Amino acid sequence: MNSLSLDQVVGGPPEREGLLLGLKNGQILKIFIDNPFPVNILQISSAIRCLDLSASRTKLAVVDEHSTCQVYDVATKQLDFQVAYDEIFAKCEESKYFSK
């Protein structure tokens, strides 16, 4: 059995809500509360630290244990781009997105 690294509620219609699960083996699964069988979304080579789905549900952002943020197209499972996770926050701080 794989250890759960992270879960993210992704919502859905009433009684069909779902969860994204990121596992320590790099597997990403989607589980619906009305279905006992998980759907394999993606597999990466290292443990998942953080993940989220875009509002349009077309892009999946995954931060791994090496602090690399990878953005995938959900339909094709192709990597769109990747960036060091720390660079994201540095750019946000430079642009003053965070309030003091």
PDB file of N, CA and C in Angstrom:
ATOM      1  N   MET A   1       0.841  -1.181   0.000  1.00  0.00           N
ATOM      2  CA  MET A   1       0.000   0.000   0.000  1.00  0.00           C
ATOM      3  C   MET A   1       0.887   1.245   0.000  1.00  0.00           C
ATOM      4  N   ASN A   2       0.503   2.236  -0.774  1.00  0.00           N
ATOM      5  CA  ASN A   2       1.251   3.481  -0.866  1.00  0.00           C
ATOM      6  C   ASN A   2       0.778   4.465   0.182  1.00  0.00           C
ATOM      7  N   SER A   3       1.693   5.259   0.671  1.00  0.00           N
ATOM      8  CA  SER A   3       1.347   6.268   1.664  1.00  0.00           C
ATOM      9  C   SER A   3       0.785   7.500   0.986  1.00  0.00           C
ATOM     10  N   LEU A   4      -0.256   8.052   1.589  1.00  0.00           N
ATOM     11  CA  LEU A   4      -0.862   9.270   1.101  1.00  0.00           C
ATOM     12  C   LEU A   4       0.027  10.446   1.460  1.00  0.00           C
ATOM     13  N   SER A   5       0.308  11.264   0.484  1.00  0.00           N
ATOM     14  CA  SER A   5       1.132  12.438   0.696  1.00  0.00           C
ATOM     15  C   SER A   5       0.259  13.681   0.833  1.00  0.00           C
ATOM     16  N   LEU A   6      -0.820  13.748   0.042  1.00  0.00           N
ATOM     17  CA  LEU A   6      -1.642  14.945   0.011  1.00  0.00           C
ATOM     18  C   LEU A   6      -2.993  14.626  -0.601  1.00  0.00           C
ATOM     19  N   ASP A   7      -4.024  15.307  -0.115  1.00  0.00           N
ATOM     20  CA  ASP A   7      -5.322  15.208  -0.775  1.00  0.00           C
ATOM     21  C   ASP A   7      -5.865  16.606  -1.006  1.00  0.00           C
ATOM     22  N   GLN A   8      -6.651  16.720  -2.069  1.00  0.00           N
ATOM     23  CA  GLN A   8      -7.213  18.008  -2.469  1.00  0.00           C
ATOM     24  C   GLN A   8      -8.661  17.772  -2.886  1.00  0.00           C
ATOM     25  N   VAL A   9      -9.594  18.474  -2.272  1.00  0.00           N
ATOM     26  CA  VAL A   9     -11.001  18.370  -2.643  1.00  0.00           C
ATOM     27  C   VAL A   9     -11.205  19.099  -3.966  1.00  0.00           C
ATOM     28  N   VAL A  10     -11.805  18.419  -4.939  1.00  0.00           N
ATOM     29  CA  VAL A  10     -12.032  19.040  -6.243  1.00  0.00           C
ATOM     30  C   VAL A  10     -13.510  19.255  -6.535  1.00  0.00           C
ATOM     31  N   GLY A  11     -14.362  18.926  -5.592  1.00  0.00           N
ATOM     32  CA  GLY A  11     -15.782  19.204  -5.735  1.00  0.00           C
ATOM     33  C   GLY A  11     -16.456  18.353  -6.790  1.00  0.00           C
ATOM     34  N   GLY A  12     -17.629  18.801  -7.199  1.00  0.00           N
ATOM     35  CA  GLY A  12     -18.406  18.084  -8.197  1.00  0.00           C
ATOM     36  C   GLY A  12     -19.879  18.228  -7.888  1.00  0.00           C
ATOM     37  N   PRO A  13     -20.726  17.601  -8.692  1.00  0.00           N
ATOM     38  CA  PRO A  13     -22.161  17.669  -8.437  1.00  0.00           C
ATOM     39  C   PRO A  13     -22.502  17.007  -7.096  1.00  0.00           C
ATOM     40  N   PRO A  14     -23.639  17.346  -6.523  1.00  0.00           N
ATOM     41  CA  PRO A  14     -24.027  16.724  -5.247  1.00  0.00           C
ATOM     42  C   PRO A  14     -23.970  15.197  -5.316  1.00  0.00           C
ATOM     43  N   GLU A  15     -23.342  14.636  -4.311  1.00  0.00           N
ATOM     44  CA  GLU A  15     -23.154  13.192  -4.153  1.00  0.00           C
ATOM     45  C   GLU A  15     -22.233  12.581  -5.208  1.00  0.00           C
ATOM     46  N   ARG A  16     -21.485  13.416  -5.940  1.00  0.00           N
ATOM     47  CA  ARG A  16     -20.463  12.956  -6.888  1.00  0.00           C
ATOM     48  C   ARG A  16     -19.174  13.733  -6.671  1.00  0.00           C
ATOM     49  N   GLU A  17     -19.025  14.334  -5.486  1.00  0.00           N
ATOM     50  CA  GLU A  17     -17.833  15.112  -5.189  1.00  0.00           C
ATOM     51  C   GLU A  17     -16.603  14.218  -5.335  1.00  0.00           C
ATOM     52  N   GLY A  18     -15.464  14.866  -5.550  1.00  0.00           N
ATOM     53  CA  GLY A  18     -14.246  14.105  -5.757  1.00  0.00           C
ATOM     54  C   GLY A  18     -13.065  14.631  -4.968  1.00  0.00           C
ATOM     55  N   LEU A  19     -12.045  13.790  -4.889  1.00  0.00           N
ATOM     56  CA  LEU A  19     -10.779  14.118  -4.243  1.00  0.00           C
ATOM     57  C   LEU A  19      -9.648  13.788  -5.198  1.00  0.00           C
ATOM     58  N   LEU A  20      -8.621  14.620  -5.199  1.00  0.00           N
ATOM     59  CA  LEU A  20      -7.359  14.272  -5.843  1.00  0.00           C
ATOM     60  C   LEU A  20      -6.429  13.799  -4.751  1.00  0.00           C
ATOM     61  N   LEU A  21      -5.791  12.674  -4.977  1.00  0.00           N
ATOM     62  CA  LEU A  21      -4.851  12.139  -4.002  1.00  0.00           C
ATOM     63  C   LEU A  21      -3.466  12.108  -4.616  1.00  0.00           C
ATOM     64  N   GLY A  22      -2.492  12.653  -3.897  1.00  0.00           N
ATOM     65  CA  GLY A  22      -1.097  12.578  -4.306  1.00  0.00           C
ATOM     66  C   GLY A  22      -0.394  11.608  -3.379  1.00  0.00           C
ATOM     67  N   LEU A  23       0.263  10.610  -3.941  1.00  0.00           N
ATOM     68  CA  LEU A  23       0.905   9.577  -3.140  1.00  0.00           C
ATOM     69  C   LEU A  23       2.418   9.763  -3.098  1.00  0.00           C
ATOM     70  N   LYS A  24       3.025   9.165  -2.111  1.00  0.00           N
ATOM     71  CA  LYS A  24       4.471   9.288  -1.944  1.00  0.00           C
ATOM     72  C   LYS A  24       5.243   8.582  -3.058  1.00  0.00           C
ATOM     73  N   ASN A  25       4.579   7.676  -3.790  1.00  0.00           N
ATOM     74  CA  ASN A  25       5.256   7.015  -4.906  1.00  0.00           C
ATOM     75  C   ASN A  25       5.119   7.805  -6.209  1.00  0.00           C
ATOM     76  N   GLY A  26       4.497   9.006  -6.146  1.00  0.00           N
ATOM     77  CA  GLY A  26       4.358   9.869  -7.308  1.00  0.00           C
ATOM     78  C   GLY A  26       3.071   9.673  -8.085  1.00  0.00           C
ATOM     79  N   GLN A  27       2.223   8.786  -7.622  1.00  0.00           N
ATOM     80  CA  GLN A  27       0.956   8.532  -8.309  1.00  0.00           C
ATOM     81  C   GLN A  27      -0.084   9.567  -7.896  1.00  0.00           C
ATOM     82  N   ILE A  28      -0.898  10.000  -8.871  1.00  0.00           N
ATOM     83  CA  ILE A  28      -1.999  10.927  -8.611  1.00  0.00           C
ATOM     84  C   ILE A  28      -3.283  10.225  -9.015  1.00  0.00           C
ATOM     85  N   LEU A  29      -4.218  10.151  -8.069  1.00  0.00           N
ATOM     86  CA  LEU A  29      -5.489   9.473  -8.281  1.00  0.00           C
ATOM     87  C   LEU A  29      -6.634  10.426  -8.049  1.00  0.00           C
ATOM     88  N   LYS A  30      -7.753  10.157  -8.724  1.00  0.00           N
ATOM     89  CA  LYS A  30      -8.983  10.900  -8.476  1.00  0.00           C
ATOM     90  C   LYS A  30     -10.004   9.893  -7.959  1.00  0.00           C
ATOM     91  N   ILE A  31     -10.662  10.254  -6.865  1.00  0.00           N
ATOM     92  CA  ILE A  31     -11.659   9.381  -6.258  1.00  0.00           C
ATOM     93  C   ILE A  31     -12.965  10.153  -6.158  1.00  0.00           C
ATOM     94  N   PHE A  32     -14.048   9.525  -6.601  1.00  0.00           N
ATOM     95  CA  PHE A  32     -15.390  10.087  -6.442  1.00  0.00           C
ATOM     96  C   PHE A  32     -16.063   9.372  -5.287  1.00  0.00           C
ATOM     97  N   ILE A  33     -16.839  10.100  -4.473  1.00  0.00           N
ATOM     98  CA  ILE A  33     -17.411   9.482  -3.281  1.00  0.00           C
ATOM     99  C   ILE A  33     -18.463   8.428  -3.607  1.00  0.00           C
ATOM    100  N   ASP A  34     -19.000   8.433  -4.829  1.00  0.00           N
ATOM    101  CA  ASP A  34     -19.995   7.430  -5.193  1.00  0.00           C
ATOM    102  C   ASP A  34     -19.398   6.255  -5.970  1.00  0.00           C
ATOM    103  N   ASN A  35     -18.057   6.174  -6.048  1.00  0.00           N
ATOM    104  CA  ASN A  35     -17.398   5.115  -6.804  1.00  0.00           C
ATOM    105  C   ASN A  35     -16.211   4.587  -6.005  1.00  0.00           C
ATOM    106  N   PRO A  36     -16.172   3.291  -5.700  1.00  0.00           N
ATOM    107  CA  PRO A  36     -15.074   2.757  -4.888  1.00  0.00           C
ATOM    108  C   PRO A  36     -13.759   2.588  -5.640  1.00  0.00           C
ATOM    109  N   PHE A  37     -13.761   2.807  -6.958  1.00  0.00           N
ATOM    110  CA  PHE A  37     -12.565   2.584  -7.758  1.00  0.00           C
ATOM    111  C   PHE A  37     -11.874   3.902  -8.109  1.00  0.00           C
ATOM    112  N   PRO A  38     -10.603   4.060  -7.727  1.00  0.00           N
ATOM    113  CA  PRO A  38      -9.883   5.297  -8.063  1.00  0.00           C
ATOM    114  C   PRO A  38      -9.534   5.343  -9.549  1.00  0.00           C
ATOM    115  N   VAL A  39      -9.430   6.565 -10.068  1.00  0.00           N
ATOM    116  CA  VAL A  39      -9.036   6.795 -11.459  1.00  0.00           C
ATOM    117  C   VAL A  39      -7.592   7.289 -11.450  1.00  0.00           C
ATOM    118  N   ASN A  40      -6.716   6.601 -12.175  1.00  0.00           N
ATOM    119  CA  ASN A  40      -5.323   7.014 -12.245  1.00  0.00           C
ATOM    120  C   ASN A  40      -5.213   8.227 -13.166  1.00  0.00           C
ATOM    121  N   ILE A  41      -4.755   9.352 -12.609  1.00  0.00           N
ATOM    122  CA  ILE A  41      -4.629  10.592 -13.375  1.00  0.00           C
ATOM    123  C   ILE A  41      -3.241  10.723 -13.993  1.00  0.00           C
ATOM    124  N   LEU A  42      -2.213  10.459 -13.193  1.00  0.00           N
ATOM    125  CA  LEU A  42      -0.842  10.706 -13.637  1.00  0.00           C
ATOM    126  C   LEU A  42       0.123   9.996 -12.713  1.00  0.00           C
ATOM    127  N   GLN A  43       1.316   9.723 -13.195  1.00  0.00           N
ATOM    128  CA  GLN A  43       2.396   9.153 -12.387  1.00  0.00           C
ATOM    129  C   GLN A  43       3.652   9.973 -12.654  1.00  0.00           C
ATOM    130  N   ILE A  44       4.257  10.514 -11.589  1.00  0.00           N
ATOM    131  CA  ILE A  44       5.539  11.202 -11.745  1.00  0.00           C
ATOM    132  C   ILE A  44       6.596  10.413 -10.987  1.00  0.00           C
ATOM    133  N   SER A  45       7.840  10.813 -11.111  1.00  0.00           N
ATOM    134  CA  SER A  45       8.937  10.005 -10.583  1.00  0.00           C
ATOM    135  C   SER A  45       9.284  10.248  -9.117  1.00  0.00           C
ATOM    136  N   SER A  46       8.652  11.214  -8.469  1.00  0.00           N
ATOM    137  CA  SER A  46       8.978  11.457  -7.059  1.00  0.00           C
ATOM    138  C   SER A  46       7.716  11.773  -6.259  1.00  0.00           C
ATOM    139  N   ALA A  47       7.863  11.822  -4.951  1.00  0.00           N
ATOM    140  CA  ALA A  47       6.733  12.033  -4.045  1.00  0.00           C
ATOM    141  C   ALA A  47       6.058  13.379  -4.295  1.00  0.00           C
ATOM    142  N   ILE A  48       4.749  13.391  -4.119  1.00  0.00           N
ATOM    143  CA  ILE A  48       3.941  14.594  -4.315  1.00  0.00           C
ATOM    144  C   ILE A  48       3.932  15.402  -3.021  1.00  0.00           C
ATOM    145  N   ARG A  49       4.235  16.678  -3.130  1.00  0.00           N
ATOM    146  CA  ARG A  49       4.181  17.569  -1.968  1.00  0.00           C
ATOM    147  C   ARG A  49       2.932  18.438  -1.983  1.00  0.00           C
ATOM    148  N   CYS A  50       2.476  18.799  -3.170  1.00  0.00           N
ATOM    149  CA  CYS A  50       1.332  19.691  -3.309  1.00  0.00           C
ATOM    150  C   CYS A  50       0.758  19.498  -4.706  1.00  0.00           C
ATOM    151  N   LEU A  51      -0.567  19.646  -4.831  1.00  0.00           N
ATOM    152  CA  LEU A  51      -1.175  19.574  -6.155  1.00  0.00           C
ATOM    153  C   LEU A  51      -2.467  20.359  -6.165  1.00  0.00           C
ATOM    154  N   ASP A  52      -2.860  20.794  -7.362  1.00  0.00           N
ATOM    155  CA  ASP A  52      -4.124  21.501  -7.503  1.00  0.00           C
ATOM    156  C   ASP A  52      -4.566  21.436  -8.955  1.00  0.00           C
ATOM    157  N   LEU A  53      -5.858  21.531  -9.151  1.00  0.00           N
ATOM    158  CA  LEU A  53      -6.477  21.485 -10.461  1.00  0.00           C
ATOM    159  C   LEU A  53      -6.934  22.897 -10.812  1.00  0.00           C
ATOM    160  N   SER A  54      -6.763  23.298 -12.074  1.00  0.00           N
ATOM    161  CA  SER A  54      -7.197  24.631 -12.495  1.00  0.00           C
ATOM    162  C   SER A  54      -8.721  24.725 -12.418  1.00  0.00           C
ATOM    163  N   ALA A  55      -9.233  25.946 -12.397  1.00  0.00           N
ATOM    164  CA  ALA A  55     -10.673  26.165 -12.317  1.00  0.00           C
ATOM    165  C   ALA A  55     -11.396  25.541 -13.510  1.00  0.00           C
ATOM    166  N   SER A  56     -10.744  25.524 -14.657  1.00  0.00           N
ATOM    167  CA  SER A  56     -11.341  24.923 -15.853  1.00  0.00           C
ATOM    168  C   SER A  56     -11.176  23.406 -15.883  1.00  0.00           C
ATOM    169  N   ARG A  57     -10.415  22.881 -14.913  1.00  0.00           N
ATOM    170  CA  ARG A  57     -10.130  21.440 -14.791  1.00  0.00           C
ATOM    171  C   ARG A  57      -9.358  20.887 -15.990  1.00  0.00           C
ATOM    172  N   THR A  58      -8.606  21.741 -16.650  1.00  0.00           N
ATOM    173  CA  THR A  58      -7.822  21.298 -17.800  1.00  0.00           C
ATOM    174  C   THR A  58      -6.329  21.200 -17.494  1.00  0.00           C
ATOM    175  N   LYS A  59      -5.891  21.829 -16.422  1.00  0.00           N
ATOM    176  CA  LYS A  59      -4.474  21.822 -16.047  1.00  0.00           C
ATOM    177  C   LYS A  59      -4.318  21.315 -14.614  1.00  0.00           C
ATOM    178  N   LEU A  60      -3.266  20.552 -14.396  1.00  0.00           N
ATOM    179  CA  LEU A  60      -2.951  20.021 -13.079  1.00  0.00           C
ATOM    180  C   LEU A  60      -1.550  20.478 -12.698  1.00  0.00           C
ATOM    181  N   ALA A  61      -1.446  21.210 -11.591  1.00  0.00           N
ATOM    182  CA  ALA A  61      -0.141  21.653 -11.091  1.00  0.00           C
ATOM    183  C   ALA A  61       0.283  20.713  -9.972  1.00  0.00           C
ATOM    184  N   VAL A  62       1.521  20.229 -10.054  1.00  0.00           N
ATOM    185  CA  VAL A  62       2.050  19.272  -9.086  1.00  0.00           C
ATOM    186  C   VAL A  62       3.401  19.771  -8.598  1.00  0.00           C
ATOM    187  N   VAL A  63       3.570  19.847  -7.287  1.00  0.00           N
ATOM    188  CA  VAL A  63       4.873  20.179  -6.713  1.00  0.00           C
ATOM    189  C   VAL A  63       5.409  18.907  -6.088  1.00  0.00           C
ATOM    190  N   ASP A  64       6.610  18.510  -6.497  1.00  0.00           N
ATOM    191  CA  ASP A  64       7.184  17.266  -5.990  1.00  0.00           C
ATOM    192  C   ASP A  64       8.107  17.518  -4.803  1.00  0.00           C
ATOM    193  N   GLU A  65       8.675  16.448  -4.278  1.00  0.00           N
ATOM    194  CA  GLU A  65       9.528  16.547  -3.092  1.00  0.00           C
ATOM    195  C   GLU A  65      10.821  17.319  -3.342  1.00  0.00           C
ATOM    196  N   HIS A  66      11.147  17.584  -4.596  1.00  0.00           N
ATOM    197  CA  HIS A  66      12.348  18.351  -4.945  1.00  0.00           C
ATOM    198  C   HIS A  66      12.020  19.817  -5.204  1.00  0.00           C
ATOM    199  N   SER A  67      10.788  20.232  -4.842  1.00  0.00           N
ATOM    200  CA  SER A  67      10.306  21.604  -5.008  1.00  0.00           C
ATOM    201  C   SER A  67      10.252  22.045  -6.466  1.00  0.00           C
ATOM    202  N   THR A  68       9.922  21.116  -7.352  1.00  0.00           N
ATOM    203  CA  THR A  68       9.709  21.435  -8.749  1.00  0.00           C
ATOM    204  C   THR A  68       8.212  21.459  -9.009  1.00  0.00           C
ATOM    205  N   CYS A  69       7.729  22.570  -9.552  1.00  0.00           N
ATOM    206  CA  CYS A  69       6.314  22.698  -9.904  1.00  0.00           C
ATOM    207  C   CYS A  69       6.173  22.328 -11.377  1.00  0.00           C
ATOM    208  N   GLN A  70       5.363  21.308 -11.642  1.00  0.00           N
ATOM    209  CA  GLN A  70       5.128  20.839 -13.001  1.00  0.00           C
ATOM    210  C   GLN A  70       3.652  21.029 -13.323  1.00  0.00           C
ATOM    211  N   VAL A  71       3.360  21.584 -14.494  1.00  0.00           N
ATOM    212  CA  VAL A  71       1.978  21.797 -14.906  1.00  0.00           C
ATOM    213  C   VAL A  71       1.692  20.897 -16.106  1.00  0.00           C
ATOM    214  N   TYR A  72       0.657  20.072 -15.954  1.00  0.00           N
ATOM    215  CA  TYR A  72       0.284  19.086 -16.966  1.00  0.00           C
ATOM    216  C   TYR A  72      -1.064  19.418 -17.580  1.00  0.00           C
ATOM    217  N   ASP A  73      -1.234  19.046 -18.840  1.00  0.00           N
ATOM    218  CA  ASP A  73      -2.528  19.078 -19.489  1.00  0.00           C
ATOM    219  C   ASP A  73      -3.253  17.797 -19.058  1.00  0.00           C
ATOM    220  N   VAL A  74      -4.431  17.925 -18.472  1.00  0.00           N
ATOM    221  CA  VAL A  74      -5.141  16.766 -17.929  1.00  0.00           C
ATOM    222  C   VAL A  74      -5.552  15.795 -19.032  1.00  0.00           C
ATOM    223  N   ALA A  75      -6.025  16.304 -20.149  1.00  0.00           N
ATOM    224  CA  ALA A  75      -6.511  15.439 -21.228  1.00  0.00           C
ATOM    225  C   ALA A  75      -5.396  14.610 -21.861  1.00  0.00           C
ATOM    226  N   THR A  76      -4.243  15.241 -22.129  1.00  0.00           N
ATOM    227  CA  THR A  76      -3.156  14.552 -22.823  1.00  0.00           C
ATOM    228  C   THR A  76      -2.102  13.979 -21.885  1.00  0.00           C
ATOM    229  N   LYS A  77      -2.114  14.420 -20.631  1.00  0.00           N
ATOM    230  CA  LYS A  77      -1.116  14.034 -19.621  1.00  0.00           C
ATOM    231  C   LYS A  77       0.295  14.478 -20.009  1.00  0.00           C
ATOM    232  N   GLN A  78       0.378  15.473 -20.886  1.00  0.00           N
ATOM    233  CA  GLN A  78       1.658  16.015 -21.322  1.00  0.00           C
ATOM    234  C   GLN A  78       2.077  17.165 -20.410  1.00  0.00           C
ATOM    235  N   LEU A  79       3.369  17.244 -20.137  1.00  0.00           N
ATOM    236  CA  LEU A  79       3.925  18.324 -19.334  1.00  0.00           C
ATOM    237  C   LEU A  79       3.898  19.606 -20.155  1.00  0.00           C
ATOM    238  N   ASP A  80       3.224  20.653 -19.633  1.00  0.00           N
ATOM    239  CA  ASP A  80       3.190  21.953 -20.310  1.00  0.00           C
ATOM    240  C   ASP A  80       4.448  22.751 -19.987  1.00  0.00           C
ATOM    241  N   PHE A  81       4.794  22.821 -18.703  1.00  0.00           N
ATOM    242  CA  PHE A  81       6.011  23.512 -18.291  1.00  0.00           C
ATOM    243  C   PHE A  81       6.340  23.141 -16.850  1.00  0.00           C
ATOM    244  N   GLN A  82       7.538  23.474 -16.446  1.00  0.00           N
ATOM    245  CA  GLN A  82       7.936  23.283 -15.057  1.00  0.00           C
ATOM    246  C   GLN A  82       8.824  24.429 -14.613  1.00  0.00           C
ATOM    247  N   VAL A  83       8.804  24.694 -13.319  1.00  0.00           N
ATOM    248  CA  VAL A  83       9.577  25.787 -12.742  1.00  0.00           C
ATOM    249  C   VAL A  83       9.880  25.419 -11.298  1.00  0.00           C
ATOM    250  N   ALA A  84      10.976  25.940 -10.765  1.00  0.00           N
ATOM    251  CA  ALA A  84      11.285  25.718  -9.356  1.00  0.00           C
ATOM    252  C   ALA A  84      10.212  26.391  -8.513  1.00  0.00           C
ATOM    253  N   TYR A  85       9.644  25.659  -7.576  1.00  0.00           N
ATOM    254  CA  TYR A  85       8.539  26.142  -6.746  1.00  0.00           C
ATOM    255  C   TYR A  85       8.914  27.435  -6.024  1.00  0.00           C
ATOM    256  N   ASP A  86      10.150  27.535  -5.554  1.00  0.00           N
ATOM    257  CA  ASP A  86      10.599  28.727  -4.831  1.00  0.00           C
ATOM    258  C   ASP A  86      10.606  29.961  -5.731  1.00  0.00           C
ATOM    259  N   GLU A  87      10.821  29.788  -7.025  1.00  0.00           N
ATOM    260  CA  GLU A  87      10.816  30.910  -7.960  1.00  0.00           C
ATOM    261  C   GLU A  87       9.436  31.553  -8.052  1.00  0.00           C
ATOM    262  N   ILE A  88       8.393  30.734  -7.898  1.00  0.00           N
ATOM    263  CA  ILE A  88       7.028  31.254  -7.964  1.00  0.00           C
ATOM    264  C   ILE A  88       6.812  32.277  -6.859  1.00  0.00           C
ATOM    265  N   PHE A  89       7.197  31.922  -5.633  1.00  0.00           N
ATOM    266  CA  PHE A  89       7.005  32.831  -4.515  1.00  0.00           C
ATOM    267  C   PHE A  89       7.910  34.050  -4.608  1.00  0.00           C
ATOM    268  N   ALA A  90       9.112  33.868  -5.123  1.00  0.00           N
ATOM    269  CA  ALA A  90      10.022  35.004  -5.290  1.00  0.00           C
ATOM    270  C   ALA A  90       9.409  36.016  -6.266  1.00  0.00           C
ATOM    271  N   LYS A  91       8.834  35.534  -7.363  1.00  0.00           N
ATOM    272  CA  LYS A  91       8.214  36.421  -8.334  1.00  0.00           C
ATOM    273  C   LYS A  91       6.985  37.111  -7.747  1.00  0.00           C
ATOM    274  N   CYS A  92       6.218  36.389  -6.940  1.00  0.00           N
ATOM    275  CA  CYS A  92       5.036  36.983  -6.306  1.00  0.00           C
ATOM    276  C   CYS A  92       5.440  38.078  -5.330  1.00  0.00           C
ATOM    277  N   GLU A  93       6.489  37.836  -4.549  1.00  0.00           N
ATOM    278  CA  GLU A  93       6.950  38.835  -3.586  1.00  0.00           C
ATOM    279  C   GLU A  93       7.478  40.073  -4.309  1.00  0.00           C
ATOM    280  N   GLU A  94       8.201  39.848  -5.422  1.00  0.00           N
ATOM    281  CA  GLU A  94       8.714  40.970  -6.204  1.00  0.00           C
ATOM    282  C   GLU A  94       7.566  41.815  -6.748  1.00  0.00           C
ATOM    283  N   SER A  95       6.489  41.169  -7.132  1.00  0.00           N
ATOM    284  CA  SER A  95       5.340  41.876  -7.692  1.00  0.00           C
ATOM    285  C   SER A  95       4.373  42.372  -6.635  1.00  0.00           C
ATOM    286  N   LYS A  96       4.686  42.083  -5.374  1.00  0.00           N
ATOM    287  CA  LYS A  96       3.873  42.524  -4.231  1.00  0.00           C
ATOM    288  C   LYS A  96       2.432  41.988  -4.288  1.00  0.00           C
ATOM    289  N   TYR A  97       2.306  40.709  -4.671  1.00  0.00           N
ATOM    290  CA  TYR A  97       0.994  40.084  -4.677  1.00  0.00           C
ATOM    291  C   TYR A  97       0.507  39.823  -3.258  1.00  0.00           C
ATOM    292  N   PHE A  98       1.436  39.607  -2.343  1.00  0.00           N
ATOM    293  CA  PHE A  98       1.044  39.327  -0.975  1.00  0.00           C
ATOM    294  C   PHE A  98       0.924  40.627  -0.198  1.00  0.00           C
ATOM    295  N   SER A  99      -0.134  40.767   0.597  1.00  0.00           N
ATOM    296  CA  SER A  99      -0.282  41.972   1.399  1.00  0.00           C
ATOM    297  C   SER A  99       0.517  41.819   2.683  1.00  0.00           C
ATOM    298  N   LYS A 100       0.914  42.946   3.248  1.00  0.00           N
ATOM    299  CA  LYS A 100       1.714  42.908   4.471  1.00  0.00           C
ATOM    300  C   LYS A 100       0.848  43.017   5.672  1.00  0.00           C
TER     301      LYS A 100
END
